[in-house]
Amino acid sequence: MAGQQRLICASSALTDAGQGIRFELQYLGQATPAFAIRYRGRVYAYLNRCAHIPVELDWQEGAFFDLSGLYLLCSTHGAMYSPETGQCMGGRCAGKGLVAIAVQEYDGHVYLIEETNHV
């Protein structure tokens, strides 16, 4: 595996459309909250920042999905995002999406690929 990697969690900690795992990373020179989720069998990660106004999405730690389990939801503004792309699907995000974070899953763990995330 090339590049610097940091363990986020065990693969088993992420269930499909279930609780997410919060973590921090260096982004634009600052410690920034982020999260990882599993959707349709794949792991995705994003900055924990609504595209409408930069507040954290989860209303309770790790609660990123709406009740249907189909969308990521900003608990403050109701903006809805695609779990697979971070694209705005409705609400006050006005077409702006979440910032994707490079992660990789292998050997039963999820890793942050740090070199691509500290732009």
PDB file of N, CA and C in Angstrom:
ATOM      1  N   MET A   1       0.840  -1.177   0.000  1.00  0.00           N
ATOM      2  CA  MET A   1       0.000   0.000   0.000  1.00  0.00           C
ATOM      3  C   MET A   1       0.889   1.247   0.000  1.00  0.00           C
ATOM      4  N   ALA A   2       0.729   2.102  -0.958  1.00  0.00           N
ATOM      5  CA  ALA A   2       1.539   3.309  -1.065  1.00  0.00           C
ATOM      6  C   ALA A   2       0.933   4.434  -0.251  1.00  0.00           C
ATOM      7  N   GLY A   3       1.779   5.363   0.217  1.00  0.00           N
ATOM      8  CA  GLY A   3       1.298   6.529   0.928  1.00  0.00           C
ATOM      9  C   GLY A   3       1.099   6.281   2.407  1.00  0.00           C
ATOM     10  N   GLN A   4       0.882   7.371   3.130  1.00  0.00           N
ATOM     11  CA  GLN A   4       0.656   7.276   4.565  1.00  0.00           C
ATOM     12  C   GLN A   4      -0.791   6.934   4.837  1.00  0.00           C
ATOM     13  N   GLN A   5      -0.970   6.009   5.762  1.00  0.00           N
ATOM     14  CA  GLN A   5      -2.321   5.590   6.118  1.00  0.00           C
ATOM     15  C   GLN A   5      -2.476   5.628   7.627  1.00  0.00           C
ATOM     16  N   ARG A   6      -3.687   5.918   8.043  1.00  0.00           N
ATOM     17  CA  ARG A   6      -3.982   5.938   9.472  1.00  0.00           C
ATOM     18  C   ARG A   6      -5.258   5.153   9.701  1.00  0.00           C
ATOM     19  N   LEU A   7      -5.234   4.288  10.680  1.00  0.00           N
ATOM     20  CA  LEU A   7      -6.401   3.473  10.997  1.00  0.00           C
ATOM     21  C   LEU A   7      -7.555   4.352  11.479  1.00  0.00           C
ATOM     22  N   ILE A   8      -8.736   4.136  10.875  1.00  0.00           N
ATOM     23  CA  ILE A   8      -9.952   4.814  11.336  1.00  0.00           C
ATOM     24  C   ILE A   8     -10.728   3.886  12.261  1.00  0.00           C
ATOM     25  N   CYS A   9     -10.989   2.654  11.795  1.00  0.00           N
ATOM     26  CA  CYS A   9     -11.770   1.720  12.582  1.00  0.00           C
ATOM     27  C   CYS A   9     -11.687   0.323  11.982  1.00  0.00           C
ATOM     28  N   ALA A  10     -12.202  -0.637  12.716  1.00  0.00           N
ATOM     29  CA  ALA A  10     -12.370  -1.980  12.170  1.00  0.00           C
ATOM     30  C   ALA A  10     -13.524  -1.951  11.177  1.00  0.00           C
ATOM     31  N   SER A  11     -13.447  -2.738  10.134  1.00  0.00           N
ATOM     32  CA  SER A  11     -14.527  -2.803   9.137  1.00  0.00           C
ATOM     33  C   SER A  11     -15.861  -3.138   9.788  1.00  0.00           C
ATOM     34  N   SER A  12     -15.836  -3.993  10.783  1.00  0.00           N
ATOM     35  CA  SER A  12     -17.065  -4.431  11.449  1.00  0.00           C
ATOM     36  C   SER A  12     -17.761  -3.315  12.215  1.00  0.00           C
ATOM     37  N   ALA A  13     -17.075  -2.203  12.453  1.00  0.00           N
ATOM     38  CA  ALA A  13     -17.686  -1.076  13.169  1.00  0.00           C
ATOM     39  C   ALA A  13     -18.675  -0.307  12.297  1.00  0.00           C
ATOM     40  N   LEU A  14     -18.614  -0.525  10.985  1.00  0.00           N
ATOM     41  CA  LEU A  14     -19.505   0.183  10.055  1.00  0.00           C
ATOM     42  C   LEU A  14     -20.515  -0.787   9.457  1.00  0.00           C
ATOM     43  N   THR A  15     -21.772  -0.600   9.809  1.00  0.00           N
ATOM     44  CA  THR A  15     -22.836  -1.417   9.228  1.00  0.00           C
ATOM     45  C   THR A  15     -23.522  -0.618   8.128  1.00  0.00           C
ATOM     46  N   ASP A  16     -24.077  -1.324   7.174  1.00  0.00           N
ATOM     47  CA  ASP A  16     -24.693  -0.675   6.016  1.00  0.00           C
ATOM     48  C   ASP A  16     -25.810   0.277   6.438  1.00  0.00           C
ATOM     49  N   ALA A  17     -25.672   1.564   6.071  1.00  0.00           N
ATOM     50  CA  ALA A  17     -26.624   2.628   6.391  1.00  0.00           C
ATOM     51  C   ALA A  17     -26.848   2.769   7.897  1.00  0.00           C
ATOM     52  N   GLY A  18     -25.839   2.380   8.668  1.00  0.00           N
ATOM     53  CA  GLY A  18     -25.923   2.471  10.127  1.00  0.00           C
ATOM     54  C   GLY A  18     -25.086   3.617  10.668  1.00  0.00           C
ATOM     55  N   GLN A  19     -24.683   3.480  11.917  1.00  0.00           N
ATOM     56  CA  GLN A  19     -23.873   4.497  12.577  1.00  0.00           C
ATOM     57  C   GLN A  19     -22.569   4.721  11.829  1.00  0.00           C
ATOM     58  N   GLY A  20     -22.145   5.962  11.787  1.00  0.00           N
ATOM     59  CA  GLY A  20     -20.860   6.308  11.213  1.00  0.00           C
ATOM     60  C   GLY A  20     -19.815   6.419  12.312  1.00  0.00           C
ATOM     61  N   ILE A  21     -18.576   6.521  11.895  1.00  0.00           N
ATOM     62  CA  ILE A  21     -17.458   6.698  12.812  1.00  0.00           C
ATOM     63  C   ILE A  21     -16.853   8.069  12.559  1.00  0.00           C
ATOM     64  N   ARG A  22     -16.742   8.848  13.620  1.00  0.00           N
ATOM     65  CA  ARG A  22     -16.125  10.172  13.531  1.00  0.00           C
ATOM     66  C   ARG A  22     -14.620  10.061  13.731  1.00  0.00           C
ATOM     67  N   PHE A  23     -13.874  10.926  13.055  1.00  0.00           N
ATOM     68  CA  PHE A  23     -12.430  11.017  13.246  1.00  0.00           C
ATOM     69  C   PHE A  23     -11.989  12.417  12.837  1.00  0.00           C
ATOM     70  N   GLU A  24     -10.748  12.765  13.107  1.00  0.00           N
ATOM     71  CA  GLU A  24     -10.210  14.059  12.707  1.00  0.00           C
ATOM     72  C   GLU A  24      -9.073  13.856  11.730  1.00  0.00           C
ATOM     73  N   LEU A  25      -8.867  14.839  10.868  1.00  0.00           N
ATOM     74  CA  LEU A  25      -7.748  14.828   9.952  1.00  0.00           C
ATOM     75  C   LEU A  25      -7.265  16.252   9.758  1.00  0.00           C
ATOM     76  N   GLN A  26      -6.088  16.382   9.196  1.00  0.00           N
ATOM     77  CA  GLN A  26      -5.563  17.704   8.849  1.00  0.00           C
ATOM     78  C   GLN A  26      -6.103  18.059   7.469  1.00  0.00           C
ATOM     79  N   TYR A  27      -6.814  19.168   7.375  1.00  0.00           N
ATOM     80  CA  TYR A  27      -7.376  19.629   6.120  1.00  0.00           C
ATOM     81  C   TYR A  27      -7.116  21.116   6.023  1.00  0.00           C
ATOM     82  N   LEU A  28      -6.428  21.519   4.986  1.00  0.00           N
ATOM     83  CA  LEU A  28      -6.043  22.919   4.791  1.00  0.00           C
ATOM     84  C   LEU A  28      -5.328  23.466   6.021  1.00  0.00           C
ATOM     85  N   GLY A  29      -4.493  22.605   6.631  1.00  0.00           N
ATOM     86  CA  GLY A  29      -3.669  23.012   7.754  1.00  0.00           C
ATOM     87  C   GLY A  29      -4.354  23.054   9.102  1.00  0.00           C
ATOM     88  N   GLN A  30      -5.585  22.580   9.184  1.00  0.00           N
ATOM     89  CA  GLN A  30      -6.316  22.616  10.449  1.00  0.00           C
ATOM     90  C   GLN A  30      -6.878  21.241  10.787  1.00  0.00           C
ATOM     91  N   ALA A  31      -6.963  20.956  12.082  1.00  0.00           N
ATOM     92  CA  ALA A  31      -7.643  19.736  12.521  1.00  0.00           C
ATOM     93  C   ALA A  31      -9.120  19.892  12.198  1.00  0.00           C
ATOM     94  N   THR A  32      -9.663  18.956  11.428  1.00  0.00           N
ATOM     95  CA  THR A  32     -11.024  19.068  10.914  1.00  0.00           C
ATOM     96  C   THR A  32     -11.788  17.774  11.169  1.00  0.00           C
ATOM     97  N   PRO A  33     -13.029  17.855  11.675  1.00  0.00           N
ATOM     98  CA  PRO A  33     -13.815  16.644  11.890  1.00  0.00           C
ATOM     99  C   PRO A  33     -14.265  16.018  10.572  1.00  0.00           C
ATOM    100  N   ALA A  34     -14.280  14.707  10.551  1.00  0.00           N
ATOM    101  CA  ALA A  34     -14.703  13.945   9.381  1.00  0.00           C
ATOM    102  C   ALA A  34     -15.451  12.708   9.872  1.00  0.00           C
ATOM    103  N   PHE A  35     -16.007  11.942   8.930  1.00  0.00           N
ATOM    104  CA  PHE A  35     -16.701  10.719   9.315  1.00  0.00           C
ATOM    105  C   PHE A  35     -16.622   9.697   8.194  1.00  0.00           C
ATOM    106  N   ALA A  36     -16.757   8.441   8.582  1.00  0.00           N
ATOM    107  CA  ALA A  36     -16.809   7.334   7.633  1.00  0.00           C
ATOM    108  C   ALA A  36     -18.121   6.597   7.841  1.00  0.00           C
ATOM    109  N   ILE A  37     -18.721   6.145   6.736  1.00  0.00           N
ATOM    110  CA  ILE A  37     -19.967   5.382   6.775  1.00  0.00           C
ATOM    111  C   ILE A  37     -19.850   4.226   5.776  1.00  0.00           C
ATOM    112  N   ARG A  38     -20.738   3.261   5.924  1.00  0.00           N
ATOM    113  CA  ARG A  38     -20.843   2.188   4.947  1.00  0.00           C
ATOM    114  C   ARG A  38     -22.210   2.307   4.279  1.00  0.00           C
ATOM    115  N   TYR A  39     -22.209   2.199   2.948  1.00  0.00           N
ATOM    116  CA  TYR A  39     -23.460   2.266   2.191  1.00  0.00           C
ATOM    117  C   TYR A  39     -23.358   1.297   1.019  1.00  0.00           C
ATOM    118  N   ARG A  40     -24.336   0.412   0.926  1.00  0.00           N
ATOM    119  CA  ARG A  40     -24.362  -0.608  -0.120  1.00  0.00           C
ATOM    120  C   ARG A  40     -23.040  -1.366  -0.211  1.00  0.00           C
ATOM    121  N   GLY A  41     -22.503  -1.671   0.963  1.00  0.00           N
ATOM    122  CA  GLY A  41     -21.318  -2.502   1.061  1.00  0.00           C
ATOM    123  C   GLY A  41     -19.987  -1.793   0.958  1.00  0.00           C
ATOM    124  N   ARG A  42     -19.980  -0.531   0.573  1.00  0.00           N
ATOM    125  CA  ARG A  42     -18.722   0.213   0.416  1.00  0.00           C
ATOM    126  C   ARG A  42     -18.572   1.264   1.508  1.00  0.00           C
ATOM    127  N   VAL A  43     -17.321   1.596   1.806  1.00  0.00           N
ATOM    128  CA  VAL A  43     -17.036   2.629   2.799  1.00  0.00           C
ATOM    129  C   VAL A  43     -16.778   3.954   2.091  1.00  0.00           C
ATOM    130  N   TYR A  44     -17.376   5.010   2.631  1.00  0.00           N
ATOM    131  CA  TYR A  44     -17.201   6.373   2.126  1.00  0.00           C
ATOM    132  C   TYR A  44     -16.853   7.264   3.316  1.00  0.00           C
ATOM    133  N   ALA A  45     -16.130   8.342   3.046  1.00  0.00           N
ATOM    134  CA  ALA A  45     -15.794   9.288   4.111  1.00  0.00           C
ATOM    135  C   ALA A  45     -15.890  10.711   3.587  1.00  0.00           C
ATOM    136  N   TYR A  46     -16.297  11.604   4.477  1.00  0.00           N
ATOM    137  CA  TYR A  46     -16.486  13.014   4.130  1.00  0.00           C
ATOM    138  C   TYR A  46     -16.076  13.890   5.304  1.00  0.00           C
ATOM    139  N   LEU A  47     -15.767  15.157   4.994  1.00  0.00           N
ATOM    140  CA  LEU A  47     -15.624  16.120   6.075  1.00  0.00           C
ATOM    141  C   LEU A  47     -16.976  16.227   6.756  1.00  0.00           C
ATOM    142  N   ASN A  48     -16.974  16.372   8.055  1.00  0.00           N
ATOM    143  CA  ASN A  48     -18.227  16.503   8.808  1.00  0.00           C
ATOM    144  C   ASN A  48     -18.621  17.978   8.811  1.00  0.00           C
ATOM    145  N   ARG A  49     -19.035  18.431   7.619  1.00  0.00           N
ATOM    146  CA  ARG A  49     -19.338  19.851   7.423  1.00  0.00           C
ATOM    147  C   ARG A  49     -20.433  19.983   6.375  1.00  0.00           C
ATOM    148  N   CYS A  50     -21.553  20.555   6.768  1.00  0.00           N
ATOM    149  CA  CYS A  50     -22.644  20.801   5.831  1.00  0.00           C
ATOM    150  C   CYS A  50     -22.194  21.801   4.771  1.00  0.00           C
ATOM    151  N   ALA A  51     -22.616  21.593   3.539  1.00  0.00           N
ATOM    152  CA  ALA A  51     -22.249  22.494   2.446  1.00  0.00           C
ATOM    153  C   ALA A  51     -22.997  23.826   2.528  1.00  0.00           C
ATOM    154  N   HIS A  52     -24.118  23.871   3.230  1.00  0.00           N
ATOM    155  CA  HIS A  52     -24.913  25.095   3.356  1.00  0.00           C
ATOM    156  C   HIS A  52     -24.213  26.080   4.285  1.00  0.00           C
ATOM    157  N   ILE A  53     -24.015  25.686   5.504  1.00  0.00           N
ATOM    158  CA  ILE A  53     -23.276  26.440   6.518  1.00  0.00           C
ATOM    159  C   ILE A  53     -22.392  25.417   7.214  1.00  0.00           C
ATOM    160  N   PRO A  54     -21.116  25.689   7.428  1.00  0.00           N
ATOM    161  CA  PRO A  54     -20.193  24.664   7.927  1.00  0.00           C
ATOM    162  C   PRO A  54     -20.424  24.255   9.387  1.00  0.00           C
ATOM    163  N   VAL A  55     -21.519  23.519   9.608  1.00  0.00           N
ATOM    164  CA  VAL A  55     -21.782  22.900  10.905  1.00  0.00           C
ATOM    165  C   VAL A  55     -21.704  21.389  10.717  1.00  0.00           C
ATOM    166  N   GLU A  56     -21.470  20.663  11.800  1.00  0.00           N
ATOM    167  CA  GLU A  56     -21.386  19.211  11.719  1.00  0.00           C
ATOM    168  C   GLU A  56     -22.757  18.628  11.413  1.00  0.00           C
ATOM    169  N   LEU A  57     -22.775  17.536  10.654  1.00  0.00           N
ATOM    170  CA  LEU A  57     -24.033  16.945  10.205  1.00  0.00           C
ATOM    171  C   LEU A  57     -24.765  16.160  11.291  1.00  0.00           C
ATOM    172  N   ASP A  58     -24.051  15.365  12.066  1.00  0.00           N
ATOM    173  CA  ASP A  58     -24.715  14.422  12.971  1.00  0.00           C
ATOM    174  C   ASP A  58     -25.348  15.106  14.172  1.00  0.00           C
ATOM    175  N   TRP A  59     -26.586  14.703  14.456  1.00  0.00           N
ATOM    176  CA  TRP A  59     -27.322  15.257  15.596  1.00  0.00           C
ATOM    177  C   TRP A  59     -26.972  14.516  16.876  1.00  0.00           C
ATOM    178  N   GLN A  60     -26.587  13.284  16.762  1.00  0.00           N
ATOM    179  CA  GLN A  60     -26.008  12.495  17.840  1.00  0.00           C
ATOM    180  C   GLN A  60     -24.758  11.880  17.243  1.00  0.00           C
ATOM    181  N   GLU A  61     -23.739  11.669  18.044  1.00  0.00           N
ATOM    182  CA  GLU A  61     -22.472  11.183  17.490  1.00  0.00           C
ATOM    183  C   GLU A  61     -22.672   9.938  16.631  1.00  0.00           C
ATOM    184  N   GLY A  62     -22.278  10.056  15.376  1.00  0.00           N
ATOM    185  CA  GLY A  62     -22.343   8.933  14.447  1.00  0.00           C
ATOM    186  C   GLY A  62     -23.665   8.773  13.717  1.00  0.00           C
ATOM    187  N   ALA A  63     -24.673   9.613  14.011  1.00  0.00           N
ATOM    188  CA  ALA A  63     -25.985   9.510  13.361  1.00  0.00           C
ATOM    189  C   ALA A  63     -26.003  10.420  12.126  1.00  0.00           C
ATOM    190  N   PHE A  64     -25.614   9.867  10.975  1.00  0.00           N
ATOM    191  CA  PHE A  64     -25.512  10.645   9.744  1.00  0.00           C
ATOM    192  C   PHE A  64     -26.630  10.357   8.762  1.00  0.00           C
ATOM    193  N   PHE A  65     -27.241   9.177   8.833  1.00  0.00           N
ATOM    194  CA  PHE A  65     -28.282   8.804   7.878  1.00  0.00           C
ATOM    195  C   PHE A  65     -29.650   9.307   8.318  1.00  0.00           C
ATOM    196  N   ASP A  66     -30.505   9.589   7.329  1.00  0.00           N
ATOM    197  CA  ASP A  66     -31.898   9.907   7.630  1.00  0.00           C
ATOM    198  C   ASP A  66     -32.605   8.624   8.052  1.00  0.00           C
ATOM    199  N   LEU A  67     -33.865   8.721   8.416  1.00  0.00           N
ATOM    200  CA  LEU A  67     -34.601   7.547   8.901  1.00  0.00           C
ATOM    201  C   LEU A  67     -34.754   6.453   7.858  1.00  0.00           C
ATOM    202  N   SER A  68     -34.752   6.820   6.578  1.00  0.00           N
ATOM    203  CA  SER A  68     -34.888   5.820   5.514  1.00  0.00           C
ATOM    204  C   SER A  68     -33.582   5.062   5.270  1.00  0.00           C
ATOM    205  N   GLY A  69     -32.456   5.624   5.711  1.00  0.00           N
ATOM    206  CA  GLY A  69     -31.162   5.017   5.459  1.00  0.00           C
ATOM    207  C   GLY A  69     -30.665   5.228   4.041  1.00  0.00           C
ATOM    208  N   LEU A  70     -31.306   6.147   3.308  1.00  0.00           N
ATOM    209  CA  LEU A  70     -30.927   6.396   1.909  1.00  0.00           C
ATOM    210  C   LEU A  70     -30.065   7.634   1.714  1.00  0.00           C
ATOM    211  N   TYR A  71     -30.116   8.561   2.661  1.00  0.00           N
ATOM    212  CA  TYR A  71     -29.409   9.829   2.510  1.00  0.00           C
ATOM    213  C   TYR A  71     -28.662  10.192   3.780  1.00  0.00           C
ATOM    214  N   LEU A  72     -27.581  10.953   3.614  1.00  0.00           N
ATOM    215  CA  LEU A  72     -26.909  11.592   4.738  1.00  0.00           C
ATOM    216  C   LEU A  72     -27.662  12.891   4.985  1.00  0.00           C
ATOM    217  N   LEU A  73     -27.880  13.227   6.233  1.00  0.00           N
ATOM    218  CA  LEU A  73     -28.755  14.343   6.573  1.00  0.00           C
ATOM    219  C   LEU A  73     -28.067  15.313   7.519  1.00  0.00           C
ATOM    220  N   CYS A  74     -28.140  16.600   7.193  1.00  0.00           N
ATOM    221  CA  CYS A  74     -27.671  17.629   8.122  1.00  0.00           C
ATOM    222  C   CYS A  74     -28.774  17.854   9.148  1.00  0.00           C
ATOM    223  N   SER A  75     -28.465  17.586  10.398  1.00  0.00           N
ATOM    224  CA  SER A  75     -29.489  17.699  11.443  1.00  0.00           C
ATOM    225  C   SER A  75     -29.884  19.145  11.705  1.00  0.00           C
ATOM    226  N   THR A  76     -29.054  20.099  11.332  1.00  0.00           N
ATOM    227  CA  THR A  76     -29.355  21.512  11.567  1.00  0.00           C
ATOM    228  C   THR A  76     -30.237  22.102  10.474  1.00  0.00           C
ATOM    229  N   HIS A  77     -29.917  21.820   9.206  1.00  0.00           N
ATOM    230  CA  HIS A  77     -30.603  22.470   8.086  1.00  0.00           C
ATOM    231  C   HIS A  77     -31.503  21.553   7.281  1.00  0.00           C
ATOM    232  N   GLY A  78     -31.385  20.243   7.467  1.00  0.00           N
ATOM    233  CA  GLY A  78     -32.184  19.306   6.693  1.00  0.00           C
ATOM    234  C   GLY A  78     -31.648  19.030   5.301  1.00  0.00           C
ATOM    235  N   ALA A  79     -30.444  19.522   4.991  1.00  0.00           N
ATOM    236  CA  ALA A  79     -29.843  19.228   3.682  1.00  0.00           C
ATOM    237  C   ALA A  79     -29.596  17.730   3.576  1.00  0.00           C
ATOM    238  N   MET A  80     -29.864  17.171   2.394  1.00  0.00           N
ATOM    239  CA  MET A  80     -29.694  15.735   2.169  1.00  0.00           C
ATOM    240  C   MET A  80     -28.611  15.506   1.130  1.00  0.00           C
ATOM    241  N   TYR A  81     -27.771  14.502   1.391  1.00  0.00           N
ATOM    242  CA  TYR A  81     -26.641  14.203   0.522  1.00  0.00           C
ATOM    243  C   TYR A  81     -26.624  12.733   0.154  1.00  0.00           C
ATOM    244  N   SER A  82     -26.125  12.440  -1.029  1.00  0.00           N
ATOM    245  CA  SER A  82     -25.940  11.064  -1.470  1.00  0.00           C
ATOM    246  C   SER A  82     -24.800  10.433  -0.672  1.00  0.00           C
ATOM    247  N   PRO A  83     -25.020   9.259  -0.062  1.00  0.00           N
ATOM    248  CA  PRO A  83     -23.940   8.587   0.662  1.00  0.00           C
ATOM    249  C   PRO A  83     -22.794   8.152  -0.253  1.00  0.00           C
ATOM    250  N   GLU A  84     -23.085   7.919  -1.524  1.00  0.00           N
ATOM    251  CA  GLU A  84     -22.078   7.423  -2.463  1.00  0.00           C
ATOM    252  C   GLU A  84     -21.203   8.519  -3.070  1.00  0.00           C
ATOM    253  N   THR A  85     -21.718   9.734  -3.159  1.00  0.00           N
ATOM    254  CA  THR A  85     -20.973  10.804  -3.825  1.00  0.00           C
ATOM    255  C   THR A  85     -20.831  12.068  -2.986  1.00  0.00           C
ATOM    256  N   GLY A  86     -21.672  12.242  -1.974  1.00  0.00           N
ATOM    257  CA  GLY A  86     -21.691  13.476  -1.203  1.00  0.00           C
ATOM    258  C   GLY A  86     -22.457  14.586  -1.894  1.00  0.00           C
ATOM    259  N   GLN A  87     -23.013  14.300  -3.067  1.00  0.00           N
ATOM    260  CA  GLN A  87     -23.754  15.291  -3.850  1.00  0.00           C
ATOM    261  C   GLN A  87     -25.029  15.715  -3.115  1.00  0.00           C
ATOM    262  N   CYS A  88     -25.356  17.000  -3.209  1.00  0.00           N
ATOM    263  CA  CYS A  88     -26.594  17.525  -2.625  1.00  0.00           C
ATOM    264  C   CYS A  88     -27.791  16.902  -3.327  1.00  0.00           C
ATOM    265  N   MET A  89     -28.719  16.356  -2.553  1.00  0.00           N
ATOM    266  CA  MET A  89     -29.917  15.726  -3.111  1.00  0.00           C
ATOM    267  C   MET A  89     -31.178  16.517  -2.779  1.00  0.00           C
ATOM    268  N   GLY A  90     -31.058  17.515  -1.914  1.00  0.00           N
ATOM    269  CA  GLY A  90     -32.214  18.318  -1.553  1.00  0.00           C
ATOM    270  C   GLY A  90     -31.959  19.115  -0.296  1.00  0.00           C
ATOM    271  N   GLY A  91     -32.770  20.120  -0.096  1.00  0.00           N
ATOM    272  CA  GLY A  91     -32.623  20.956   1.082  1.00  0.00           C
ATOM    273  C   GLY A  91     -31.782  22.179   0.789  1.00  0.00           C
ATOM    274  N   ARG A  92     -31.238  22.773   1.815  1.00  0.00           N
ATOM    275  CA  ARG A  92     -30.579  24.069   1.713  1.00  0.00           C
ATOM    276  C   ARG A  92     -29.141  24.016   1.204  1.00  0.00           C
ATOM    277  N   CYS A  93     -28.672  22.867   0.737  1.00  0.00           N
ATOM    278  CA  CYS A  93     -27.294  22.774   0.237  1.00  0.00           C
ATOM    279  C   CYS A  93     -27.149  23.372  -1.152  1.00  0.00           C
ATOM    280  N   ALA A  94     -28.241  23.675  -1.812  1.00  0.00           N
ATOM    281  CA  ALA A  94     -28.261  24.396  -3.092  1.00  0.00           C
ATOM    282  C   ALA A  94     -27.244  23.870  -4.108  1.00  0.00           C
ATOM    283  N   GLY A  95     -27.189  22.569  -4.257  1.00  0.00           N
ATOM    284  CA  GLY A  95     -26.322  21.970  -5.257  1.00  0.00           C
ATOM    285  C   GLY A  95     -24.883  21.750  -4.829  1.00  0.00           C
ATOM    286  N   LYS A  96     -24.496  22.258  -3.672  1.00  0.00           N
ATOM    287  CA  LYS A  96     -23.135  22.050  -3.176  1.00  0.00           C
ATOM    288  C   LYS A  96     -23.074  20.706  -2.470  1.00  0.00           C
ATOM    289  N   GLY A  97     -21.941  20.039  -2.573  1.00  0.00           N
ATOM    290  CA  GLY A  97     -21.810  18.722  -1.973  1.00  0.00           C
ATOM    291  C   GLY A  97     -20.843  18.683  -0.809  1.00  0.00           C
ATOM    292  N   LEU A  98     -20.757  17.510  -0.207  1.00  0.00           N
ATOM    293  CA  LEU A  98     -19.811  17.267   0.873  1.00  0.00           C
ATOM    294  C   LEU A  98     -18.414  17.074   0.284  1.00  0.00           C
ATOM    295  N   VAL A  99     -17.406  17.341   1.082  1.00  0.00           N
ATOM    296  CA  VAL A  99     -16.017  17.148   0.663  1.00  0.00           C
ATOM    297  C   VAL A  99     -15.636  15.695   0.961  1.00  0.00           C
ATOM    298  N   ALA A 100     -15.330  14.948  -0.110  1.00  0.00           N
ATOM    299  CA  ALA A 100     -14.970  13.533   0.031  1.00  0.00           C
ATOM    300  C   ALA A 100     -13.554  13.396   0.578  1.00  0.00           C
ATOM    301  N   ILE A 101     -13.347  12.352   1.369  1.00  0.00           N
ATOM    302  CA  ILE A 101     -12.062  12.042   1.976  1.00  0.00           C
ATOM    303  C   ILE A 101     -11.626  10.664   1.477  1.00  0.00           C
ATOM    304  N   ALA A 102     -10.368  10.543   1.098  1.00  0.00           N
ATOM    305  CA  ALA A 102      -9.846   9.275   0.585  1.00  0.00           C
ATOM    306  C   ALA A 102      -9.660   8.267   1.719  1.00  0.00           C
ATOM    307  N   VAL A 103     -10.337   7.135   1.593  1.00  0.00           N
ATOM    308  CA  VAL A 103     -10.198   6.035   2.536  1.00  0.00           C
ATOM    309  C   VAL A 103     -10.053   4.736   1.752  1.00  0.00           C
ATOM    310  N   GLN A 104      -9.563   3.732   2.451  1.00  0.00           N
ATOM    311  CA  GLN A 104      -9.417   2.428   1.827  1.00  0.00           C
ATOM    312  C   GLN A 104      -9.723   1.366   2.874  1.00  0.00           C
ATOM    313  N   GLU A 105     -10.386   0.312   2.435  1.00  0.00           N
ATOM    314  CA  GLU A 105     -10.732  -0.785   3.332  1.00  0.00           C
ATOM    315  C   GLU A 105      -9.993  -2.044   2.880  1.00  0.00           C
ATOM    316  N   TYR A 106      -9.249  -2.642   3.790  1.00  0.00           N
ATOM    317  CA  TYR A 106      -8.589  -3.912   3.501  1.00  0.00           C
ATOM    318  C   TYR A 106      -8.197  -4.586   4.816  1.00  0.00           C
ATOM    319  N   ASP A 107      -8.030  -5.877   4.767  1.00  0.00           N
ATOM    320  CA  ASP A 107      -7.632  -6.680   5.932  1.00  0.00           C
ATOM    321  C   ASP A 107      -8.503  -6.410   7.159  1.00  0.00           C
ATOM    322  N   GLY A 108      -9.798  -6.168   6.939  1.00  0.00           N
ATOM    323  CA  GLY A 108     -10.722  -5.993   8.054  1.00  0.00           C
ATOM    324  C   GLY A 108     -10.658  -4.652   8.752  1.00  0.00           C
ATOM    325  N   HIS A 109     -10.047  -3.650   8.105  1.00  0.00           N
ATOM    326  CA  HIS A 109      -9.943  -2.320   8.706  1.00  0.00           C
ATOM    327  C   HIS A 109     -10.179  -1.239   7.655  1.00  0.00           C
ATOM    328  N   VAL A 110     -10.529  -0.051   8.139  1.00  0.00           N
ATOM    329  CA  VAL A 110     -10.720   1.122   7.278  1.00  0.00           C
ATOM    330  C   VAL A 110      -9.610   2.107   7.618  1.00  0.00           C
ATOM    331  N   TYR A 111      -8.945   2.587   6.570  1.00  0.00           N
ATOM    332  CA  TYR A 111      -7.805   3.483   6.734  1.00  0.00           C
ATOM    333  C   TYR A 111      -8.027   4.808   6.014  1.00  0.00           C
ATOM    334  N   LEU A 112      -7.564   5.868   6.637  1.00  0.00           N
ATOM    335  CA  LEU A 112      -7.495   7.186   6.023  1.00  0.00           C
ATOM    336  C   LEU A 112      -6.229   7.235   5.178  1.00  0.00           C
ATOM    337  N   ILE A 113      -6.341   7.673   3.939  1.00  0.00           N
ATOM    338  CA  ILE A 113      -5.182   7.871   3.069  1.00  0.00           C
ATOM    339  C   ILE A 113      -4.782   9.331   3.221  1.00  0.00           C
ATOM    340  N   GLU A 114      -3.851   9.587   4.120  1.00  0.00           N
ATOM    341  CA  GLU A 114      -3.568  10.962   4.540  1.00  0.00           C
ATOM    342  C   GLU A 114      -2.951  11.856   3.481  1.00  0.00           C
ATOM    343  N   GLU A 115      -2.095  11.344   2.623  1.00  0.00           N
ATOM    344  CA  GLU A 115      -1.403  12.215   1.683  1.00  0.00           C
ATOM    345  C   GLU A 115      -2.332  12.929   0.723  1.00  0.00           C
ATOM    346  N   THR A 116      -3.515  12.377   0.451  1.00  0.00           N
ATOM    347  CA  THR A 116      -4.446  13.005  -0.480  1.00  0.00           C
ATOM    348  C   THR A 116      -5.453  13.905   0.215  1.00  0.00           C
ATOM    349  N   ASN A 117      -5.393  13.996   1.547  1.00  0.00           N
ATOM    350  CA  ASN A 117      -6.412  14.734   2.276  1.00  0.00           C
ATOM    351  C   ASN A 117      -5.920  16.024   2.920  1.00  0.00           C
ATOM    352  N   HIS A 118      -4.647  16.318   2.852  1.00  0.00           N
ATOM    353  CA  HIS A 118      -4.154  17.505   3.551  1.00  0.00           C
ATOM    354  C   HIS A 118      -3.850  18.643   2.578  1.00  0.00           C
ATOM    355  N   VAL A 119      -4.666  18.768   1.561  1.00  0.00           N
ATOM    356  CA  VAL A 119      -4.488  19.770   0.505  1.00  0.00           C
ATOM    357  C   VAL A 119      -4.384  21.164   1.090  1.00  0.00           C
TER     358      VAL A 119
END
